[in-house]
PDB file of N, CA and C in Angstrom:
ATOM      1  N   MET A   1      16.819  11.357 189.429  1.00  0.00           N
ATOM      2  CA  MET A   1      15.207  11.257 189.901  1.00  0.00           C
ATOM      3  C   MET A   1      14.913  13.443 189.589  1.00  0.00           C
ATOM      4  N   LEU A   2      15.752  13.918 189.985  1.00  0.00           N
ATOM      5  CA  LEU A   2      15.455  15.452 189.735  1.00  0.00           C
ATOM      6  C   LEU A   2      15.262  15.994 188.415  1.00  0.00           C
ATOM      7  N   TYR A   3      16.218  15.299 187.293  1.00  0.00           N
ATOM      8  CA  TYR A   3      15.848  15.650 185.768  1.00  0.00           C
ATOM      9  C   TYR A   3      14.791  14.901 185.474  1.00  0.00           C
ATOM     10  N   PHE A   4      14.250  13.760 185.758  1.00  0.00           N
ATOM     11  CA  PHE A   4      13.143  13.227 185.485  1.00  0.00           C
ATOM     12  C   PHE A   4      11.753  14.012 186.165  1.00  0.00           C
ATOM     13  N   ASP A   5      12.033  14.424 187.291  1.00  0.00           N
ATOM     14  CA  ASP A   5      10.485  15.582 187.684  1.00  0.00           C
ATOM     15  C   ASP A   5      10.568  16.788 187.017  1.00  0.00           C
ATOM     16  N   ARG A   6      11.877  16.970 186.348  1.00  0.00           N
ATOM     17  CA  ARG A   6      11.603  18.532 186.138  1.00  0.00           C
ATOM     18  C   ARG A   6      10.922  18.166 184.637  1.00  0.00           C
ATOM     19  N   ALA A   7      11.326  17.003 184.047  1.00  0.00           N
ATOM     20  CA  ALA A   7      10.714  16.680 182.903  1.00  0.00           C
ATOM     21  C   ALA A   7       9.287  16.259 182.720  1.00  0.00           C
ATOM     22  N   LEU A   8       9.195  16.182 183.947  1.00  0.00           N
ATOM     23  CA  LEU A   8       7.186  15.749 183.900  1.00  0.00           C
ATOM     24  C   LEU A   8       6.969  17.077 183.834  1.00  0.00           C
ATOM     25  N   LYS A   9       7.682  17.848 184.931  1.00  0.00           N
ATOM     26  CA  LYS A   9       6.675  19.249 185.021  1.00  0.00           C
ATOM     27  C   LYS A   9       6.746  20.181 183.731  1.00  0.00           C
ATOM     28  N   ARG A  10       7.818  20.028 182.799  1.00  0.00           N
ATOM     29  CA  ARG A  10       7.746  20.727 181.760  1.00  0.00           C
ATOM     30  C   ARG A  10       6.650  20.104 180.819  1.00  0.00           C
ATOM     31  N   GLN A  11       6.569  18.638 180.680  1.00  0.00           N
ATOM     32  CA  GLN A  11       5.448  17.784 180.360  1.00  0.00           C
ATOM     33  C   GLN A  11       4.211  18.391 180.521  1.00  0.00           C
ATOM     34  N   MET A  12       3.948  18.393 181.778  1.00  0.00           N
ATOM     35  CA  MET A  12       2.692  18.817 182.008  1.00  0.00           C
ATOM     36  C   MET A  12       2.084  20.343 181.910  1.00  0.00           C
ATOM     37  N   PHE A  13       3.507  21.441 181.849  1.00  0.00           N
ATOM     38  CA  PHE A  13       3.193  22.286 181.714  1.00  0.00           C
ATOM     39  C   PHE A  13       2.889  22.630 180.275  1.00  0.00           C
ATOM     40  N   CYS A  14       3.092  22.017 179.141  1.00  0.00           N
ATOM     41  CA  CYS A  14       3.175  22.011 178.009  1.00  0.00           C
ATOM     42  C   CYS A  14       1.869  21.556 177.694  1.00  0.00           C
ATOM     43  N   GLY A  15       1.423  20.090 178.097  1.00  0.00           N
ATOM     44  CA  GLY A  15       0.179  20.035 177.972  1.00  0.00           C
ATOM     45  C   GLY A  15      -1.003  21.051 178.246  1.00  0.00           C
ATOM     46  N   GLN A  16      -0.653  21.543 179.705  1.00  0.00           N
ATOM     47  CA  GLN A  16      -1.866  22.985 180.137  1.00  0.00           C
ATOM     48  C   GLN A  16      -1.684  23.749 178.867  1.00  0.00           C
ATOM     49  N   ILE A  17      -0.423  24.233 178.889  1.00  0.00           N
ATOM     50  CA  ILE A  17      -0.660  25.309 177.409  1.00  0.00           C
ATOM     51  C   ILE A  17      -1.371  24.764 175.874  1.00  0.00           C
ATOM     52  N   LEU A  18      -1.271  23.609 175.732  1.00  0.00           N
ATOM     53  CA  LEU A  18      -1.877  22.879 174.477  1.00  0.00           C
ATOM     54  C   LEU A  18      -3.784  22.564 174.808  1.00  0.00           C
ATOM     55  N   ILE A  19      -3.711  22.298 176.176  1.00  0.00           N
ATOM     56  CA  ILE A  19      -5.137  22.228 176.389  1.00  0.00           C
ATOM     57  C   ILE A  19      -5.951  23.719 176.527  1.00  0.00           C
ATOM     58  N   LYS A  20      -5.289  24.978 176.916  1.00  0.00           N
ATOM     59  CA  LYS A  20      -5.466  26.087 176.693  1.00  0.00           C
ATOM     60  C   LYS A  20      -5.638  26.660 175.239  1.00  0.00           C
ATOM     61  N   ALA A  21      -4.741  26.263 174.875  1.00  0.00           N
ATOM     62  CA  ALA A  21      -4.802  26.908 173.082  1.00  0.00           C
ATOM     63  C   ALA A  21      -5.969  25.965 172.592  1.00  0.00           C
ATOM     64  N   ARG A  22      -6.223  24.664 172.635  1.00  0.00           N
ATOM     65  CA  ARG A  22      -7.332  24.245 172.081  1.00  0.00           C
ATOM     66  C   ARG A  22      -8.470  24.807 172.421  1.00  0.00           C
ATOM     67  N   HIS A  23      -8.634  24.923 173.754  1.00  0.00           N
ATOM     68  CA  HIS A  23     -10.135  25.583 174.351  1.00  0.00           C
ATOM     69  C   HIS A  23     -10.271  26.668 174.025  1.00  0.00           C
ATOM     70  N   LEU A  24      -9.151  27.767 173.626  1.00  0.00           N
ATOM     71  CA  LEU A  24      -9.444  28.794 172.705  1.00  0.00           C
ATOM     72  C   LEU A  24      -9.854  28.882 171.759  1.00  0.00           C
ATOM     73  N   ALA A  25      -9.131  28.146 170.496  1.00  0.00           N
ATOM     74  CA  ALA A  25      -9.239  27.569 169.291  1.00  0.00           C
ATOM     75  C   ALA A  25     -10.658  27.021 169.221  1.00  0.00           C
ATOM     76  N   CYS A  26     -11.195  26.742 170.149  1.00  0.00           N
ATOM     77  CA  CYS A  26     -12.646  25.927 170.305  1.00  0.00           C
ATOM     78  C   CYS A  26     -13.417  27.360 170.124  1.00  0.00           C
ATOM     79  N   GLU A  27     -13.200  28.314 171.382  1.00  0.00           N
ATOM     80  CA  GLU A  27     -14.076  29.544 171.436  1.00  0.00           C
ATOM     81  C   GLU A  27     -14.004  30.652 170.251  1.00  0.00           C
ATOM     82  N   ILE A  28     -13.072  30.621 169.787  1.00  0.00           N
ATOM     83  CA  ILE A  28     -12.558  31.552 168.393  1.00  0.00           C
ATOM     84  C   ILE A  28     -13.556  30.828 167.195  1.00  0.00           C
ATOM     85  N   ASN A  29     -13.672  29.436 167.339  1.00  0.00           N
ATOM     86  CA  ASN A  29     -14.231  28.636 166.102  1.00  0.00           C
ATOM     87  C   ASN A  29     -15.721  28.957 166.623  1.00  0.00           C
ATOM     88  N   PHE A  30     -16.387  28.625 167.504  1.00  0.00           N
ATOM     89  CA  PHE A  30     -17.512  28.777 168.099  1.00  0.00           C
ATOM     90  C   PHE A  30     -18.379  30.247 167.836  1.00  0.00           C
ATOM     91  N   LYS A  31     -17.413  31.445 168.348  1.00  0.00           N
ATOM     92  CA  LYS A  31     -17.750  32.753 167.587  1.00  0.00           C
ATOM     93  C   LYS A  31     -17.768  32.713 166.341  1.00  0.00           C
ATOM     94  N   ILE A  32     -17.110  32.238 165.635  1.00  0.00           N
ATOM     95  CA  ILE A  32     -16.933  32.620 164.180  1.00  0.00           C
ATOM     96  C   ILE A  32     -18.073  32.039 163.492  1.00  0.00           C
ATOM     97  N   ARG A  33     -18.919  30.781 164.113  1.00  0.00           N
ATOM     98  CA  ARG A  33     -19.606  29.772 163.758  1.00  0.00           C
ATOM     99  C   ARG A  33     -21.215  30.644 164.156  1.00  0.00           C
ATOM    100  N   LEU A  34     -20.967  31.460 165.369  1.00  0.00           N
ATOM    101  CA  LEU A  34     -22.038  32.509 165.925  1.00  0.00           C
ATOM    102  C   LEU A  34     -22.028  33.656 165.061  1.00  0.00           C
ATOM    103  N   ASP A  35     -21.422  34.280 164.566  1.00  0.00           N
ATOM    104  CA  ASP A  35     -21.076  35.461 163.538  1.00  0.00           C
ATOM    105  C   ASP A  35     -21.600  35.223 162.413  1.00  0.00           C
ATOM    106  N   LYS A  36     -21.765  33.888 161.994  1.00  0.00           N
ATOM    107  CA  LYS A  36     -21.737  33.349 160.463  1.00  0.00           C
ATOM    108  C   LYS A  36     -23.513  32.856 160.454  1.00  0.00           C
ATOM    109  N   SER A  37     -24.009  32.815 161.788  1.00  0.00           N
ATOM    110  CA  SER A  37     -25.145  32.524 161.837  1.00  0.00           C
ATOM    111  C   SER A  37     -25.972  33.680 162.139  1.00  0.00           C
ATOM    112  N   ILE A  38     -25.647  34.766 162.770  1.00  0.00           N
ATOM    113  CA  ILE A  38     -26.272  36.193 162.953  1.00  0.00           C
ATOM    114  C   ILE A  38     -26.093  36.614 161.343  1.00  0.00           C
ATOM    115  N   TYR A  39     -24.704  36.665 160.827  1.00  0.00           N
ATOM    116  CA  TYR A  39     -24.460  38.002 159.701  1.00  0.00           C
ATOM    117  C   TYR A  39     -24.305  36.602 158.666  1.00  0.00           C
ATOM    118  N   PRO A  40     -25.294  35.651 158.316  1.00  0.00           N
ATOM    119  CA  PRO A  40     -25.197  34.797 156.716  1.00  0.00           C
ATOM    120  C   PRO A  40     -24.113  35.154 155.843  1.00  0.00           C
ATOM    121  N   ASP A  41     -24.598  36.415 155.313  1.00  0.00           N
ATOM    122  CA  ASP A  41     -23.830  37.004 154.186  1.00  0.00           C
ATOM    123  C   ASP A  41     -22.276  37.615 154.194  1.00  0.00           C
ATOM    124  N   VAL A  42     -21.903  37.726 155.800  1.00  0.00           N
ATOM    125  CA  VAL A  42     -20.816  38.047 155.382  1.00  0.00           C
ATOM    126  C   VAL A  42     -19.791  36.967 155.487  1.00  0.00           C
ATOM    127  N   LYS A  43     -18.795  37.495 154.689  1.00  0.00           N
ATOM    128  CA  LYS A  43     -17.443  36.340 154.389  1.00  0.00           C
ATOM    129  C   LYS A  43     -16.582  36.540 155.440  1.00  0.00           C
ATOM    130  N   ILE A  44     -16.323  35.479 155.985  1.00  0.00           N
ATOM    131  CA  ILE A  44     -14.984  35.564 156.924  1.00  0.00           C
ATOM    132  C   ILE A  44     -13.979  34.857 156.614  1.00  0.00           C
TER     133      ILE A  44
END
């Protein structure tokens, strides 16, 4: 049961990292799109 609990905690931790990474990717993507709308002729 202890091993299962540890595995579950690791899974939750990995899930949090994935959520944070996805959120960060969305923010970066949004920022790039915003920059492109402000400077449409700049190639990123």
